Amino acid sequence: MDLAVEAHLFAQGLPRAEQFALAKQIRDAAASVPGNIAEGCGRGTTRELLRFLDISRGSLQELDSHFELAFRLGYSNSIEELQGRMNQVSRMISGLKAALRKKLESEGE
């Protein structure tokens, strides 16, 4: 959720011409990361949660792409802090997926 907040704040700082294009894509991708995790948790099965974690990871990659584009267009001097946060979230998702896979294996699925 912290990453989504940071991404929204970043998007607010983009030029007015980007508010309905790149900024919206950043906001949407950023909101999808925790949103898909929450939806997966609500599905009630480990397999569904794993599926939604994969979708969340895809949204994270999309967000990374949008940040890189904003940087290359000169809208930001540095995105290193944001990329660090994205790497942290990616590692958290990977750790959760590994734990859930072990759970499935122990349950014999």
N, C-alpha and C. Protein backbone atom coordinates (compact mmCIF):
# COMPACT_ATOMS: atom_id res chain seq x y z
N MET A 1 0.83 -1.18 0.00
CA MET A 1 0.00 0.00 0.00
C MET A 1 0.88 1.26 0.00
N ASP A 2 2.00 1.20 0.72
CA ASP A 2 2.91 2.36 0.75
C ASP A 2 3.41 2.71 -0.65
N LEU A 3 3.72 1.68 -1.43
CA LEU A 3 4.16 1.91 -2.80
C LEU A 3 3.07 2.60 -3.61
N ALA A 4 1.83 2.18 -3.44
CA ALA A 4 0.71 2.80 -4.17
C ALA A 4 0.59 4.28 -3.81
N VAL A 5 0.75 4.59 -2.53
CA VAL A 5 0.68 5.99 -2.11
C VAL A 5 1.83 6.78 -2.73
N GLU A 6 3.04 6.23 -2.69
CA GLU A 6 4.19 6.92 -3.28
C GLU A 6 3.99 7.13 -4.78
N ALA A 7 3.46 6.14 -5.46
CA ALA A 7 3.22 6.25 -6.90
C ALA A 7 2.19 7.33 -7.20
N HIS A 8 1.14 7.40 -6.40
CA HIS A 8 0.12 8.44 -6.60
C HIS A 8 0.73 9.83 -6.41
N LEU A 9 1.56 9.98 -5.40
CA LEU A 9 2.22 11.27 -5.17
C LEU A 9 3.15 11.63 -6.33
N PHE A 10 3.86 10.62 -6.84
CA PHE A 10 4.73 10.83 -7.99
C PHE A 10 3.90 11.29 -9.19
N ALA A 11 2.78 10.62 -9.42
CA ALA A 11 1.92 10.94 -10.57
C ALA A 11 1.37 12.36 -10.48
N GLN A 12 1.10 12.82 -9.26
CA GLN A 12 0.60 14.19 -9.08
C GLN A 12 1.63 15.23 -9.54
N GLY A 13 2.90 14.86 -9.48
CA GLY A 13 3.95 15.79 -9.88
C GLY A 13 4.26 15.80 -11.36
N LEU A 14 3.61 14.95 -12.12
CA LEU A 14 3.85 14.94 -13.57
C LEU A 14 3.20 16.16 -14.21
N PRO A 15 3.69 16.56 -15.38
CA PRO A 15 3.12 17.73 -16.06
C PRO A 15 1.62 17.55 -16.33
N ARG A 16 0.93 18.65 -16.41
CA ARG A 16 -0.51 18.65 -16.65
C ARG A 16 -0.88 17.84 -17.90
N ALA A 17 -0.05 17.92 -18.91
CA ALA A 17 -0.31 17.20 -20.16
C ALA A 17 -0.33 15.69 -19.97
N GLU A 18 0.28 15.20 -18.90
CA GLU A 18 0.34 13.76 -18.63
C GLU A 18 -0.69 13.28 -17.62
N GLN A 19 -1.51 14.17 -17.08
CA GLN A 19 -2.42 13.79 -16.01
C GLN A 19 -3.49 12.78 -16.45
N PHE A 20 -3.83 12.77 -17.72
CA PHE A 20 -4.85 11.83 -18.20
C PHE A 20 -4.23 10.71 -19.02
N ALA A 21 -2.92 10.64 -19.05
CA ALA A 21 -2.25 9.58 -19.79
C ALA A 21 -1.33 8.82 -18.85
N LEU A 22 -0.07 9.21 -18.82
CA LEU A 22 0.92 8.49 -18.02
C LEU A 22 0.58 8.50 -16.53
N ALA A 23 0.13 9.61 -16.02
CA ALA A 23 -0.20 9.69 -14.58
C ALA A 23 -1.33 8.72 -14.24
N LYS A 24 -2.32 8.63 -15.09
CA LYS A 24 -3.43 7.70 -14.84
C LYS A 24 -2.95 6.26 -14.88
N GLN A 25 -2.08 5.94 -15.83
CA GLN A 25 -1.55 4.58 -15.93
C GLN A 25 -0.74 4.24 -14.68
N ILE A 26 0.03 5.19 -14.18
CA ILE A 26 0.81 4.97 -12.96
C ILE A 26 -0.13 4.72 -11.79
N ARG A 27 -1.14 5.56 -11.65
CA ARG A 27 -2.09 5.39 -10.54
C ARG A 27 -2.81 4.04 -10.62
N ASP A 28 -3.24 3.67 -11.82
CA ASP A 28 -3.96 2.40 -11.99
C ASP A 28 -3.08 1.20 -11.69
N ALA A 29 -1.86 1.18 -12.23
CA ALA A 29 -0.96 0.05 -11.98
C ALA A 29 -0.59 -0.03 -10.51
N ALA A 30 -0.35 1.13 -9.90
CA ALA A 30 0.02 1.14 -8.48
C ALA A 30 -1.11 0.62 -7.60
N ALA A 31 -2.33 1.01 -7.90
CA ALA A 31 -3.49 0.55 -7.11
C ALA A 31 -3.74 -0.94 -7.33
N SER A 32 -3.37 -1.46 -8.49
CA SER A 32 -3.60 -2.87 -8.80
C SER A 32 -2.72 -3.80 -7.97
N VAL A 33 -1.55 -3.33 -7.55
CA VAL A 33 -0.65 -4.21 -6.80
C VAL A 33 -1.31 -4.65 -5.48
N PRO A 34 -1.64 -3.74 -4.57
CA PRO A 34 -2.28 -4.20 -3.33
C PRO A 34 -3.71 -4.69 -3.56
N GLY A 35 -4.37 -4.13 -4.57
CA GLY A 35 -5.74 -4.54 -4.85
C GLY A 35 -5.84 -6.01 -5.23
N ASN A 36 -4.92 -6.48 -6.06
CA ASN A 36 -4.94 -7.88 -6.46
C ASN A 36 -4.54 -8.80 -5.32
N ILE A 37 -3.64 -8.34 -4.46
CA ILE A 37 -3.29 -9.15 -3.29
C ILE A 37 -4.52 -9.29 -2.39
N ALA A 38 -5.22 -8.20 -2.17
CA ALA A 38 -6.42 -8.24 -1.34
C ALA A 38 -7.48 -9.14 -1.95
N GLU A 39 -7.68 -9.02 -3.26
CA GLU A 39 -8.69 -9.86 -3.91
C GLU A 39 -8.32 -11.33 -3.80
N GLY A 40 -7.05 -11.65 -3.99
CA GLY A 40 -6.60 -13.03 -3.86
C GLY A 40 -6.83 -13.58 -2.47
N CYS A 41 -6.58 -12.76 -1.46
CA CYS A 41 -6.84 -13.18 -0.07
C CYS A 41 -8.31 -13.45 0.14
N GLY A 42 -9.14 -12.69 -0.50
CA GLY A 42 -10.59 -12.84 -0.33
C GLY A 42 -11.18 -14.01 -1.07
N ARG A 43 -10.43 -14.61 -1.96
CA ARG A 43 -10.94 -15.73 -2.75
C ARG A 43 -11.06 -17.02 -1.93
N GLY A 44 -10.31 -17.12 -0.87
CA GLY A 44 -10.48 -18.24 0.04
C GLY A 44 -9.67 -19.48 -0.22
N THR A 45 -8.94 -19.54 -1.33
CA THR A 45 -8.09 -20.71 -1.56
C THR A 45 -6.65 -20.27 -1.80
N THR A 46 -5.75 -21.14 -1.46
CA THR A 46 -4.33 -20.85 -1.66
C THR A 46 -4.00 -20.71 -3.14
N ARG A 47 -4.58 -21.56 -3.95
CA ARG A 47 -4.32 -21.49 -5.40
C ARG A 47 -4.77 -20.16 -6.00
N GLU A 48 -5.93 -19.69 -5.57
CA GLU A 48 -6.43 -18.41 -6.07
C GLU A 48 -5.52 -17.27 -5.60
N LEU A 49 -5.08 -17.33 -4.36
CA LEU A 49 -4.17 -16.31 -3.86
C LEU A 49 -2.88 -16.30 -4.68
N LEU A 50 -2.35 -17.47 -4.97
CA LEU A 50 -1.14 -17.54 -5.80
C LEU A 50 -1.37 -16.92 -7.17
N ARG A 51 -2.52 -17.19 -7.74
CA ARG A 51 -2.84 -16.61 -9.06
C ARG A 51 -2.89 -15.09 -9.00
N PHE A 52 -3.52 -14.56 -7.96
CA PHE A 52 -3.61 -13.11 -7.84
C PHE A 52 -2.28 -12.47 -7.46
N LEU A 53 -1.42 -13.20 -6.80
CA LEU A 53 -0.07 -12.69 -6.55
C LEU A 53 0.70 -12.55 -7.85
N ASP A 54 0.48 -13.49 -8.78
CA ASP A 54 1.10 -13.37 -10.11
C ASP A 54 0.58 -12.14 -10.85
N ILE A 55 -0.71 -11.91 -10.74
CA ILE A 55 -1.29 -10.72 -11.39
C ILE A 55 -0.72 -9.46 -10.76
N SER A 56 -0.59 -9.47 -9.44
CA SER A 56 -0.01 -8.34 -8.73
C SER A 56 1.42 -8.07 -9.19
N ARG A 57 2.18 -9.13 -9.37
CA ARG A 57 3.56 -8.98 -9.85
C ARG A 57 3.57 -8.36 -11.25
N GLY A 58 2.62 -8.75 -12.09
CA GLY A 58 2.52 -8.15 -13.42
C GLY A 58 2.24 -6.66 -13.34
N SER A 59 1.36 -6.27 -12.42
CA SER A 59 1.07 -4.84 -12.23
C SER A 59 2.30 -4.10 -11.73
N LEU A 60 3.09 -4.76 -10.92
CA LEU A 60 4.33 -4.17 -10.42
C LEU A 60 5.31 -3.93 -11.57
N GLN A 61 5.40 -4.88 -12.48
CA GLN A 61 6.28 -4.71 -13.65
C GLN A 61 5.77 -3.59 -14.55
N GLU A 62 4.45 -3.51 -14.70
CA GLU A 62 3.86 -2.42 -15.48
C GLU A 62 4.20 -1.07 -14.85
N LEU A 63 4.08 -0.99 -13.54
CA LEU A 63 4.41 0.25 -12.83
C LEU A 63 5.86 0.62 -13.04
N ASP A 64 6.74 -0.35 -12.98
CA ASP A 64 8.17 -0.10 -13.20
C ASP A 64 8.39 0.49 -14.59
N SER A 65 7.70 -0.06 -15.57
CA SER A 65 7.81 0.44 -16.94
C SER A 65 7.35 1.90 -17.04
N HIS A 66 6.26 2.23 -16.38
CA HIS A 66 5.76 3.61 -16.41
C HIS A 66 6.72 4.58 -15.73
N PHE A 67 7.31 4.15 -14.62
CA PHE A 67 8.30 5.00 -13.95
C PHE A 67 9.51 5.23 -14.84
N GLU A 68 9.95 4.17 -15.50
CA GLU A 68 11.10 4.29 -16.40
C GLU A 68 10.79 5.25 -17.55
N LEU A 69 9.59 5.17 -18.09
CA LEU A 69 9.19 6.08 -19.17
C LEU A 69 9.19 7.52 -18.67
N ALA A 70 8.63 7.75 -17.49
CA ALA A 70 8.62 9.11 -16.93
C ALA A 70 10.04 9.64 -16.75
N PHE A 71 10.93 8.78 -16.31
CA PHE A 71 12.34 9.17 -16.14
C PHE A 71 12.97 9.52 -17.49
N ARG A 72 12.76 8.67 -18.47
CA ARG A 72 13.36 8.90 -19.80
C ARG A 72 12.78 10.12 -20.50
N LEU A 73 11.55 10.46 -20.17
CA LEU A 73 10.95 11.67 -20.73
C LEU A 73 11.39 12.93 -19.98
N GLY A 74 12.17 12.75 -18.94
CA GLY A 74 12.69 13.88 -18.18
C GLY A 74 11.74 14.44 -17.14
N TYR A 75 10.73 13.66 -16.75
CA TYR A 75 9.77 14.14 -15.76
C TYR A 75 10.25 13.94 -14.33
N SER A 76 11.35 13.21 -14.17
CA SER A 76 11.92 12.98 -12.84
C SER A 76 13.42 12.83 -12.98
N ASN A 77 14.15 13.35 -12.00
CA ASN A 77 15.60 13.24 -12.01
C ASN A 77 16.07 11.87 -11.55
N SER A 78 15.26 11.22 -10.73
CA SER A 78 15.66 9.93 -10.20
C SER A 78 14.42 9.11 -9.83
N ILE A 79 14.49 7.84 -10.16
CA ILE A 79 13.43 6.92 -9.76
C ILE A 79 14.01 5.79 -8.93
N GLU A 80 15.25 5.96 -8.48
CA GLU A 80 15.93 4.90 -7.74
C GLU A 80 15.18 4.52 -6.46
N GLU A 81 14.67 5.50 -5.74
CA GLU A 81 13.95 5.20 -4.51
C GLU A 81 12.68 4.40 -4.80
N LEU A 82 11.98 4.80 -5.86
CA LEU A 82 10.77 4.07 -6.24
C LEU A 82 11.12 2.65 -6.70
N GLN A 83 12.20 2.52 -7.46
CA GLN A 83 12.61 1.19 -7.90
C GLN A 83 13.03 0.33 -6.71
N GLY A 84 13.66 0.93 -5.73
CA GLY A 84 14.00 0.20 -4.52
C GLY A 84 12.77 -0.31 -3.80
N ARG A 85 11.75 0.53 -3.72
CA ARG A 85 10.49 0.14 -3.08
C ARG A 85 9.84 -0.98 -3.88
N MET A 86 9.87 -0.88 -5.23
CA MET A 86 9.28 -1.93 -6.05
C MET A 86 10.02 -3.25 -5.88
N ASN A 87 11.35 -3.19 -5.78
CA ASN A 87 12.13 -4.40 -5.54
C ASN A 87 11.77 -5.03 -4.20
N GLN A 88 11.56 -4.19 -3.20
CA GLN A 88 11.18 -4.67 -1.88
C GLN A 88 9.82 -5.38 -1.95
N VAL A 89 8.87 -4.77 -2.62
CA VAL A 89 7.54 -5.37 -2.77
C VAL A 89 7.64 -6.68 -3.56
N SER A 90 8.44 -6.70 -4.59
CA SER A 90 8.62 -7.91 -5.39
C SER A 90 9.18 -9.05 -4.54
N ARG A 91 10.15 -8.74 -3.70
CA ARG A 91 10.72 -9.76 -2.81
C ARG A 91 9.67 -10.26 -1.82
N MET A 92 8.84 -9.36 -1.33
CA MET A 92 7.78 -9.76 -0.39
C MET A 92 6.79 -10.70 -1.07
N ILE A 93 6.41 -10.37 -2.30
CA ILE A 93 5.50 -11.23 -3.05
C ILE A 93 6.14 -12.59 -3.29
N SER A 94 7.42 -12.60 -3.66
CA SER A 94 8.12 -13.87 -3.91
C SER A 94 8.17 -14.72 -2.65
N GLY A 95 8.45 -14.10 -1.51
CA GLY A 95 8.50 -14.83 -0.25
C GLY A 95 7.14 -15.42 0.11
N LEU A 96 6.10 -14.64 -0.08
CA LEU A 96 4.75 -15.13 0.20
C LEU A 96 4.38 -16.28 -0.72
N LYS A 97 4.74 -16.16 -2.00
CA LYS A 97 4.44 -17.23 -2.95
C LYS A 97 5.17 -18.51 -2.57
N ALA A 98 6.42 -18.40 -2.17
CA ALA A 98 7.19 -19.58 -1.78
C ALA A 98 6.56 -20.26 -0.56
N ALA A 99 6.15 -19.48 0.41
CA ALA A 99 5.51 -20.03 1.61
C ALA A 99 4.19 -20.71 1.26
N LEU A 100 3.43 -20.09 0.36
CA LEU A 100 2.15 -20.67 -0.04
C LEU A 100 2.33 -21.96 -0.83
N ARG A 101 3.37 -22.02 -1.67
CA ARG A 101 3.65 -23.25 -2.41
C ARG A 101 4.01 -24.39 -1.46
N LYS A 102 4.81 -24.06 -0.44
CA LYS A 102 5.17 -25.08 0.57
C LYS A 102 3.91 -25.57 1.28
N LYS A 103 3.01 -24.64 1.56
CA LYS A 103 1.76 -25.02 2.22
C LYS A 103 0.98 -25.99 1.34
N LEU A 104 0.89 -25.69 0.05
CA LEU A 104 0.19 -26.59 -0.87
C LEU A 104 0.84 -27.95 -0.91
N GLU A 105 2.18 -27.98 -0.95
CA GLU A 105 2.90 -29.26 -0.99
C GLU A 105 2.64 -30.07 0.27
N SER A 106 2.64 -29.40 1.42
CA SER A 106 2.42 -30.11 2.68
C SER A 106 0.98 -30.64 2.79
N GLU A 107 0.06 -29.98 2.09
CA GLU A 107 -1.33 -30.43 2.09
C GLU A 107 -1.57 -31.49 1.04
N GLY A 108 -0.52 -31.78 0.24
CA GLY A 108 -0.63 -32.81 -0.78
C GLY A 108 -1.33 -32.39 -2.04
N GLU A 109 -1.34 -31.12 -2.33
CA GLU A 109 -2.00 -30.64 -3.56
C GLU A 109 -1.00 -30.38 -4.65
